[in-house]
PDB file of all heavy atoms in Angstrom:
ATOM      1  N   ALA A   1      85.903  95.228  92.902  1.00  0.00           N
ATOM      2  CA  ALA A   1      86.543  94.556  94.032  1.00  0.00           C
ATOM      3  C   ALA A   1      87.775  93.845  93.481  1.00  0.00           C
ATOM      4  O   ALA A   1      87.741  93.321  92.365  1.00  0.00           O
ATOM      5  CB  ALA A   1      85.595  93.557  94.674  1.00  0.00           C
ATOM      6  N   GLN A   2      88.861  93.859  94.243  1.00  0.00           N
ATOM      7  CA  GLN A   2      90.086  93.190  93.807  1.00  0.00           C
ATOM      8  C   GLN A   2      90.584  92.271  94.901  1.00  0.00           C
ATOM      9  O   GLN A   2      90.441  92.571  96.085  1.00  0.00           O
ATOM     10  CB  GLN A   2      91.177  94.219  93.489  1.00  0.00           C
ATOM     11  CG  GLN A   2      90.847  95.058  92.271  1.00  0.00           C
ATOM     12  CD  GLN A   2      91.931  96.064  91.979  1.00  0.00           C
ATOM     13  OE1 GLN A   2      91.889  97.178  92.484  1.00  0.00           O
ATOM     14  NE2 GLN A   2      92.899  95.658  91.167  1.00  0.00           N
ATOM     15  N   GLY A   3      91.164  91.153  94.486  1.00  0.00           N
ATOM     16  CA  GLY A   3      91.721  90.224  95.456  1.00  0.00           C
ATOM     17  C   GLY A   3      92.502  89.130  94.763  1.00  0.00           C
ATOM     18  O   GLY A   3      92.748  89.180  93.556  1.00  0.00           O
ATOM     19  N   LYS A   4      92.882  88.153  95.565  1.00  0.00           N
ATOM     20  CA  LYS A   4      93.580  86.974  95.051  1.00  0.00           C
ATOM     21  C   LYS A   4      92.805  85.746  95.497  1.00  0.00           C
ATOM     22  O   LYS A   4      92.384  85.648  96.646  1.00  0.00           O
ATOM     23  CB  LYS A   4      95.004  86.904  95.586  1.00  0.00           C
ATOM     24  CG  LYS A   4      95.971  87.793  94.853  1.00  0.00           C
ATOM     25  CD  LYS A   4      97.395  87.277  95.038  1.00  0.00           C
ATOM     26  CE  LYS A   4      98.377  88.163  94.332  1.00  0.00           C
ATOM     27  NZ  LYS A   4      98.540  87.877  92.942  1.00  0.00           N
ATOM     28  N   ILE A   5      92.645  84.829  94.573  1.00  0.00           N
ATOM     29  CA  ILE A   5      91.987  83.559  94.851  1.00  0.00           C
ATOM     30  C   ILE A   5      92.855  82.470  94.232  1.00  0.00           C
ATOM     31  O   ILE A   5      93.177  82.536  93.038  1.00  0.00           O
ATOM     32  CB  ILE A   5      90.561  83.517  94.256  1.00  0.00           C
ATOM     33  CG1 ILE A   5      89.706  84.643  94.842  1.00  0.00           C
ATOM     34  CG2 ILE A   5      89.917  82.158  94.508  1.00  0.00           C
ATOM     35  CD1 ILE A   5      88.354  84.813  94.195  1.00  0.00           C
ATOM     36  N   LYS A   6      93.235  81.506  95.053  1.00  0.00           N
ATOM     37  CA  LYS A   6      94.122  80.422  94.599  1.00  0.00           C
ATOM     38  C   LYS A   6      95.382  80.987  93.956  1.00  0.00           C
ATOM     39  O   LYS A   6      95.883  80.457  92.966  1.00  0.00           O
ATOM     40  CB  LYS A   6      93.407  79.499  93.626  1.00  0.00           C
ATOM     41  CG  LYS A   6      92.230  78.746  94.176  1.00  0.00           C
ATOM     42  CD  LYS A   6      91.695  77.826  93.092  1.00  0.00           C
ATOM     43  CE  LYS A   6      90.460  77.091  93.497  1.00  0.00           C
ATOM     44  NZ  LYS A   6      89.964  76.229  92.406  1.00  0.00           N
ATOM     45  N   GLY A   7      95.870  82.106  94.455  1.00  0.00           N
ATOM     46  CA  GLY A   7      97.075  82.724  93.921  1.00  0.00           C
ATOM     47  C   GLY A   7      96.861  83.532  92.652  1.00  0.00           C
ATOM     48  O   GLY A   7      97.790  84.136  92.126  1.00  0.00           O
ATOM     49  N   GLU A   8      95.654  83.584  92.155  1.00  0.00           N
ATOM     50  CA  GLU A   8      95.317  84.294  90.913  1.00  0.00           C
ATOM     51  C   GLU A   8      94.737  85.664  91.253  1.00  0.00           C
ATOM     52  O   GLU A   8      93.846  85.781  92.102  1.00  0.00           O
ATOM     53  CB  GLU A   8      94.285  83.483  90.132  1.00  0.00           C
ATOM     54  CG  GLU A   8      93.862  84.075  88.825  1.00  0.00           C
ATOM     55  CD  GLU A   8      94.789  83.726  87.674  1.00  0.00           C
ATOM     56  OE1 GLU A   8      95.198  82.568  87.559  1.00  0.00           O
ATOM     57  OE2 GLU A   8      95.087  84.641  86.887  1.00  0.00           O
ATOM     58  N   SER A   9      95.222  86.704  90.590  1.00  0.00           N
ATOM     59  CA  SER A   9      94.642  88.043  90.757  1.00  0.00           C
ATOM     60  C   SER A   9      93.266  88.068  90.101  1.00  0.00           C
ATOM     61  O   SER A   9      93.105  87.612  88.966  1.00  0.00           O
ATOM     62  CB  SER A   9      95.537  89.100  90.108  1.00  0.00           C
ATOM     63  OG  SER A   9      96.749  89.198  90.812  1.00  0.00           O
ATOM     64  N   VAL A  10      92.312  88.603  90.848  1.00  0.00           N
ATOM     65  CA  VAL A  10      90.926  88.613  90.385  1.00  0.00           C
ATOM     66  C   VAL A  10      90.347  90.012  90.568  1.00  0.00           C
ATOM     67  O   VAL A  10      90.551  90.654  91.590  1.00  0.00           O
ATOM     68  CB  VAL A  10      90.087  87.598  91.187  1.00  0.00           C
ATOM     69  CG1 VAL A  10      88.626  87.668  90.798  1.00  0.00           C
ATOM     70  CG2 VAL A  10      90.610  86.188  91.002  1.00  0.00           C
ATOM     71  N   ILE A  11      89.635  90.457  89.546  1.00  0.00           N
ATOM     72  CA  ILE A  11      88.855  91.689  89.641  1.00  0.00           C
ATOM     73  C   ILE A  11      87.400  91.306  89.461  1.00  0.00           C
ATOM     74  O   ILE A  11      87.041  90.613  88.505  1.00  0.00           O
ATOM     75  CB  ILE A  11      89.270  92.712  88.563  1.00  0.00           C
ATOM     76  CG1 ILE A  11      90.687  93.185  88.826  1.00  0.00           C
ATOM     77  CG2 ILE A  11      88.299  93.884  88.523  1.00  0.00           C
ATOM     78  CD1 ILE A  11      91.223  94.136  87.803  1.00  0.00           C
ATOM     79  N   LEU A  12      86.565  91.747  90.389  1.00  0.00           N
ATOM     80  CA  LEU A  12      85.132  91.547  90.293  1.00  0.00           C
ATOM     81  C   LEU A  12      84.527  92.890  89.912  1.00  0.00           C
ATOM     82  O   LEU A  12      84.926  93.921  90.449  1.00  0.00           O
ATOM     83  CB  LEU A  12      84.558  91.078  91.635  1.00  0.00           C
ATOM     84  CG  LEU A  12      85.238  89.874  92.279  1.00  0.00           C
ATOM     85  CD1 LEU A  12      84.557  89.532  93.602  1.00  0.00           C
ATOM     86  CD2 LEU A  12      85.244  88.683  91.357  1.00  0.00           C
ATOM     87  N   ALA A  13      83.584  92.884  88.991  1.00  0.00           N
ATOM     88  CA  ALA A  13      83.020  94.143  88.505  1.00  0.00           C
ATOM     89  C   ALA A  13      81.511  94.050  88.364  1.00  0.00           C
ATOM     90  O   ALA A  13      80.976  93.040  87.887  1.00  0.00           O
ATOM     91  CB  ALA A  13      83.644  94.522  87.169  1.00  0.00           C
ATOM     92  N   LYS A  14      80.852  95.142  88.787  1.00  0.00           N
ATOM     93  CA  LYS A  14      79.423  95.318  88.560  1.00  0.00           C
ATOM     94  C   LYS A  14      79.282  96.619  87.762  1.00  0.00           C
ATOM     95  O   LYS A  14      79.458  97.707  88.315  1.00  0.00           O
ATOM     96  CB  LYS A  14      78.668  95.415  89.885  1.00  0.00           C
ATOM     97  CG  LYS A  14      78.753  94.155  90.720  1.00  0.00           C
ATOM     98  CD  LYS A  14      77.837  94.165  91.935  1.00  0.00           C
ATOM     99  CE  LYS A  14      78.276  95.138  92.978  1.00  0.00           C
ATOM    100  NZ  LYS A  14      77.489  95.044  94.232  1.00  0.00           N
ATOM    101  N   PRO A  15      79.011  96.518  86.456  1.00  0.00           N
ATOM    102  CA  PRO A  15      78.886  97.731  85.643  1.00  0.00           C
ATOM    103  C   PRO A  15      77.801  98.667  86.175  1.00  0.00           C
ATOM    104  O   PRO A  15      76.740  98.226  86.607  1.00  0.00           O
ATOM    105  CB  PRO A  15      78.513  97.197  84.261  1.00  0.00           C
ATOM    106  CG  PRO A  15      79.096  95.820  84.229  1.00  0.00           C
ATOM    107  CD  PRO A  15      78.908  95.304  85.647  1.00  0.00           C
ATOM    108  N   THR A  16      78.098  99.958  86.116  1.00  0.00           N
ATOM    109  CA  THR A  16      77.139 100.979  86.547  1.00  0.00           C
ATOM    110  C   THR A  16      76.418 101.598  85.350  1.00  0.00           C
ATOM    111  O   THR A  16      75.734 102.610  85.494  1.00  0.00           O
ATOM    112  CB  THR A  16      77.852 102.086  87.352  1.00  0.00           C
ATOM    113  OG1 THR A  16      78.882 102.660  86.555  1.00  0.00           O
ATOM    114  CG2 THR A  16      78.435 101.540  88.644  1.00  0.00           C
ATOM    115  N   THR A  17      76.568 100.993  84.211  1.00  0.00           N
ATOM    116  CA  THR A  17      76.032 101.527  82.946  1.00  0.00           C
ATOM    117  C   THR A  17      74.598 101.104  82.666  1.00  0.00           C
ATOM    118  O   THR A  17      74.048 101.478  81.646  1.00  0.00           O
ATOM    119  CB  THR A  17      76.892 101.019  81.783  1.00  0.00           C
ATOM    120  OG1 THR A  17      76.916  99.582  81.827  1.00  0.00           O
ATOM    121  CG2 THR A  17      78.290 101.560  81.851  1.00  0.00           C
ATOM    122  N   PHE A  18      74.030 100.291  83.529  1.00  0.00           N
ATOM    123  CA  PHE A  18      72.766  99.604  83.296  1.00  0.00           C
ATOM    124  C   PHE A  18      72.988  98.502  82.274  1.00  0.00           C
ATOM    125  O   PHE A  18      73.910  98.538  81.469  1.00  0.00           O
ATOM    126  CB  PHE A  18      71.625 100.558  82.900  1.00  0.00           C
ATOM    127  CG  PHE A  18      71.161 101.405  84.044  1.00  0.00           C
ATOM    128  CD1 PHE A  18      71.688 102.672  84.227  1.00  0.00           C
ATOM    129  CD2 PHE A  18      70.229 100.922  84.953  1.00  0.00           C
ATOM    130  CE1 PHE A  18      71.288 103.452  85.302  1.00  0.00           C
ATOM    131  CE2 PHE A  18      69.827 101.701  86.029  1.00  0.00           C
ATOM    132  CZ  PHE A  18      70.351 102.962  86.211  1.00  0.00           C
ATOM    133  N   MET A  19      72.147  97.516  82.355  1.00  0.00           N
ATOM    134  CA  MET A  19      72.309  96.259  81.617  1.00  0.00           C
ATOM    135  C   MET A  19      72.586  96.454  80.126  1.00  0.00           C
ATOM    136  O   MET A  19      73.535  95.894  79.592  1.00  0.00           O
ATOM    137  CB  MET A  19      71.038  95.423  81.795  1.00  0.00           C
ATOM    138  CG  MET A  19      71.081  94.086  81.115  1.00  0.00           C
ATOM    139  SD  MET A  19      72.270  92.958  81.833  1.00  0.00           S
ATOM    140  CE  MET A  19      71.403  92.465  83.302  1.00  0.00           C
ATOM    141  N   ASN A  20      71.766  97.235  79.458  1.00  0.00           N
ATOM    142  CA  ASN A  20      71.848  97.317  78.000  1.00  0.00           C
ATOM    143  C   ASN A  20      73.106  98.014  77.493  1.00  0.00           C
ATOM    144  O   ASN A  20      73.360  98.014  76.292  1.00  0.00           O
ATOM    145  CB  ASN A  20      70.603  98.004  77.436  1.00  0.00           C
ATOM    146  CG  ASN A  20      69.361  97.170  77.651  1.00  0.00           C
ATOM    147  OD1 ASN A  20      69.420  96.019  78.086  1.00  0.00           O
ATOM    148  ND2 ASN A  20      68.215  97.753  77.367  1.00  0.00           N
ATOM    149  N   ASN A  21      73.884  98.620  78.386  1.00  0.00           N
ATOM    150  CA  ASN A  21      75.133  99.278  77.996  1.00  0.00           C
ATOM    151  C   ASN A  21      76.343  98.665  78.697  1.00  0.00           C
ATOM    152  O   ASN A  21      77.373  99.314  78.847  1.00  0.00           O
ATOM    153  CB  ASN A  21      75.050 100.779  78.301  1.00  0.00           C
ATOM    154  CG  ASN A  21      73.939 101.447  77.516  1.00  0.00           C
ATOM    155  OD1 ASN A  21      73.817 101.251  76.317  1.00  0.00           O
ATOM    156  ND2 ASN A  21      73.118 102.210  78.190  1.00  0.00           N
ATOM    157  N   SER A  22      76.238  97.429  79.107  1.00  0.00           N
ATOM    158  CA  SER A  22      77.313  96.759  79.850  1.00  0.00           C
ATOM    159  C   SER A  22      78.633  96.738  79.097  1.00  0.00           C
ATOM    160  O   SER A  22      79.706  96.760  79.711  1.00  0.00           O
ATOM    161  CB  SER A  22      76.906  95.323  80.191  1.00  0.00           C
ATOM    162  OG  SER A  22      75.773  95.303  81.018  1.00  0.00           O
ATOM    163  N   GLY A  23      78.577  96.717  77.790  1.00  0.00           N
ATOM    164  CA  GLY A  23      79.800  96.696  76.982  1.00  0.00           C
ATOM    165  C   GLY A  23      80.694  97.899  77.224  1.00  0.00           C
ATOM    166  O   GLY A  23      81.919  97.800  77.132  1.00  0.00           O
ATOM    167  N   GLU A  24      80.095  99.045  77.563  1.00  0.00           N
ATOM    168  CA  GLU A  24      80.887 100.251  77.839  1.00  0.00           C
ATOM    169  C   GLU A  24      81.839 100.027  79.016  1.00  0.00           C
ATOM    170  O   GLU A  24      82.960 100.526  79.008  1.00  0.00           O
ATOM    171  CB  GLU A  24      79.967 101.434  78.160  1.00  0.00           C
ATOM    172  CG  GLU A  24      79.122 101.896  77.007  1.00  0.00           C
ATOM    173  CD  GLU A  24      78.126 102.982  77.415  1.00  0.00           C
ATOM    174  OE1 GLU A  24      78.293 103.593  78.497  1.00  0.00           O
ATOM    175  OE2 GLU A  24      77.176 103.212  76.649  1.00  0.00           O
ATOM    176  N   ALA A  25      81.399  99.295  80.009  1.00  0.00           N
ATOM    177  CA  ALA A  25      82.243  99.006  81.176  1.00  0.00           C
ATOM    178  C   ALA A  25      83.241  97.897  80.859  1.00  0.00           C
ATOM    179  O   ALA A  25      84.433  98.002  81.182  1.00  0.00           O
ATOM    180  CB  ALA A  25      81.373  98.604  82.364  1.00  0.00           C
ATOM    181  N   VAL A  26      82.781  96.843  80.210  1.00  0.00           N
ATOM    182  CA  VAL A  26      83.652  95.693  79.945  1.00  0.00           C
ATOM    183  C   VAL A  26      84.808  96.075  79.028  1.00  0.00           C
ATOM    184  O   VAL A  26      85.941  95.642  79.238  1.00  0.00           O
ATOM    185  CB  VAL A  26      82.835  94.504  79.397  1.00  0.00           C
ATOM    186  CG1 VAL A  26      83.752  93.352  79.003  1.00  0.00           C
ATOM    187  CG2 VAL A  26      81.818  94.040  80.434  1.00  0.00           C
ATOM    188  N   VAL A  27      84.565  96.920  78.042  1.00  0.00           N
ATOM    189  CA  VAL A  27      85.654  97.314  77.147  1.00  0.00           C
ATOM    190  C   VAL A  27      86.715  98.111  77.909  1.00  0.00           C
ATOM    191  O   VAL A  27      87.918  97.963  77.642  1.00  0.00           O
ATOM    192  CB  VAL A  27      85.145  98.085  75.898  1.00  0.00           C
ATOM    193  CG1 VAL A  27      84.676  99.495  76.235  1.00  0.00           C
ATOM    194  CG2 VAL A  27      86.219  98.117  74.817  1.00  0.00           C
ATOM    195  N   LEU A  28      86.318  98.931  78.861  1.00  0.00           N
ATOM    196  CA  LEU A  28      87.297  99.683  79.662  1.00  0.00           C
ATOM    197  C   LEU A  28      88.152  98.738  80.500  1.00  0.00           C
ATOM    198  O   LEU A  28      89.369  98.926  80.618  1.00  0.00           O
ATOM    199  CB  LEU A  28      86.581 100.699  80.562  1.00  0.00           C
ATOM    200  CG  LEU A  28      85.862 101.839  79.851  1.00  0.00           C
ATOM    201  CD1 LEU A  28      85.080 102.673  80.851  1.00  0.00           C
ATOM    202  CD2 LEU A  28      86.837 102.697  79.073  1.00  0.00           C
ATOM    203  N   LEU A  29      87.536  97.724  81.077  1.00  0.00           N
ATOM    204  CA  LEU A  29      88.281  96.728  81.842  1.00  0.00           C
ATOM    205  C   LEU A  29      89.242  95.958  80.941  1.00  0.00           C
ATOM    206  O   LEU A  29      90.395  95.735  81.287  1.00  0.00           O
ATOM    207  CB  LEU A  29      87.313  95.766  82.536  1.00  0.00           C
ATOM    208  CG  LEU A  29      86.545  96.354  83.712  1.00  0.00           C
ATOM    209  CD1 LEU A  29      85.272  95.565  83.987  1.00  0.00           C
ATOM    210  CD2 LEU A  29      87.435  96.407  84.946  1.00  0.00           C
ATOM    211  N   LYS A  30      88.747  95.581  79.773  1.00  0.00           N
ATOM    212  CA  LYS A  30      89.586  94.828  78.822  1.00  0.00           C
ATOM    213  C   LYS A  30      90.769  95.670  78.351  1.00  0.00           C
ATOM    214  O   LYS A  30      91.883  95.163  78.209  1.00  0.00           O
ATOM    215  CB  LYS A  30      88.750  94.355  77.636  1.00  0.00           C
ATOM    216  CG  LYS A  30      89.523  93.484  76.657  1.00  0.00           C
ATOM    217  CD  LYS A  30      88.601  92.891  75.626  1.00  0.00           C
ATOM    218  CE  LYS A  30      89.315  92.086  74.569  1.00  0.00           C
ATOM    219  NZ  LYS A  30      90.097  90.981  75.056  1.00  0.00           N
ATOM    220  N   GLU A  31      90.550  96.950  78.093  1.00  0.00           N
ATOM    221  CA  GLU A  31      91.638  97.833  77.666  1.00  0.00           C
ATOM    222  C   GLU A  31      92.681  97.997  78.767  1.00  0.00           C
ATOM    223  O   GLU A  31      93.876  98.052  78.499  1.00  0.00           O
ATOM    224  CB  GLU A  31      91.091  99.202  77.257  1.00  0.00           C
ATOM    225  CG  GLU A  31      90.352  99.180  75.944  1.00  0.00           C
ATOM    226  CD  GLU A  31      89.602 100.467  75.650  1.00  0.00           C
ATOM    227  OE1 GLU A  31      89.541 101.380  76.523  1.00  0.00           O
ATOM    228  OE2 GLU A  31      89.030 100.564  74.540  1.00  0.00           O
ATOM    229  N   GLN A  32      92.236  98.052  80.015  1.00  0.00           N
ATOM    230  CA  GLN A  32      93.155  98.226  81.143  1.00  0.00           C
ATOM    231  C   GLN A  32      93.944  96.945  81.431  1.00  0.00           C
ATOM    232  O   GLN A  32      95.118  96.994  81.750  1.00  0.00           O
ATOM    233  CB  GLN A  32      92.382  98.662  82.386  1.00  0.00           C
ATOM    234  CG  GLN A  32      93.255  98.909  83.592  1.00  0.00           C
ATOM    235  CD  GLN A  32      94.213 100.080  83.419  1.00  0.00           C
ATOM    236  OE1 GLN A  32      93.931 101.044  82.721  1.00  0.00           O
ATOM    237  NE2 GLN A  32      95.369  99.982  84.045  1.00  0.00           N
ATOM    238  N   TYR A  33      93.279  95.804  81.312  1.00  0.00           N
ATOM    239  CA  TYR A  33      93.884  94.502  81.637  1.00  0.00           C
ATOM    240  C   TYR A  33      93.840  93.622  80.389  1.00  0.00           C
ATOM    241  O   TYR A  33      93.057  92.677  80.301  1.00  0.00           O
ATOM    242  CB  TYR A  33      93.128  93.858  82.806  1.00  0.00           C
ATOM    243  CG  TYR A  33      93.075  94.734  84.025  1.00  0.00           C
ATOM    244  CD1 TYR A  33      91.946  95.491  84.323  1.00  0.00           C
ATOM    245  CD2 TYR A  33      94.166  94.828  84.886  1.00  0.00           C
ATOM    246  CE1 TYR A  33      91.890  96.303  85.451  1.00  0.00           C
ATOM    247  CE2 TYR A  33      94.131  95.642  86.010  1.00  0.00           C
ATOM    248  CZ  TYR A  33      92.994  96.374  86.276  1.00  0.00           C
ATOM    249  OH  TYR A  33      92.946  97.189  87.389  1.00  0.00           O
TER     250      TYR A  33
END
């Protein structure tokens, strides 16, 4: 989900990798942003 809150760009994410592999999703987000 993407939006703006208090003028700040915000991305909300729910990894689809299952809990124990959450890093796979977070690293992709970090690389993109």
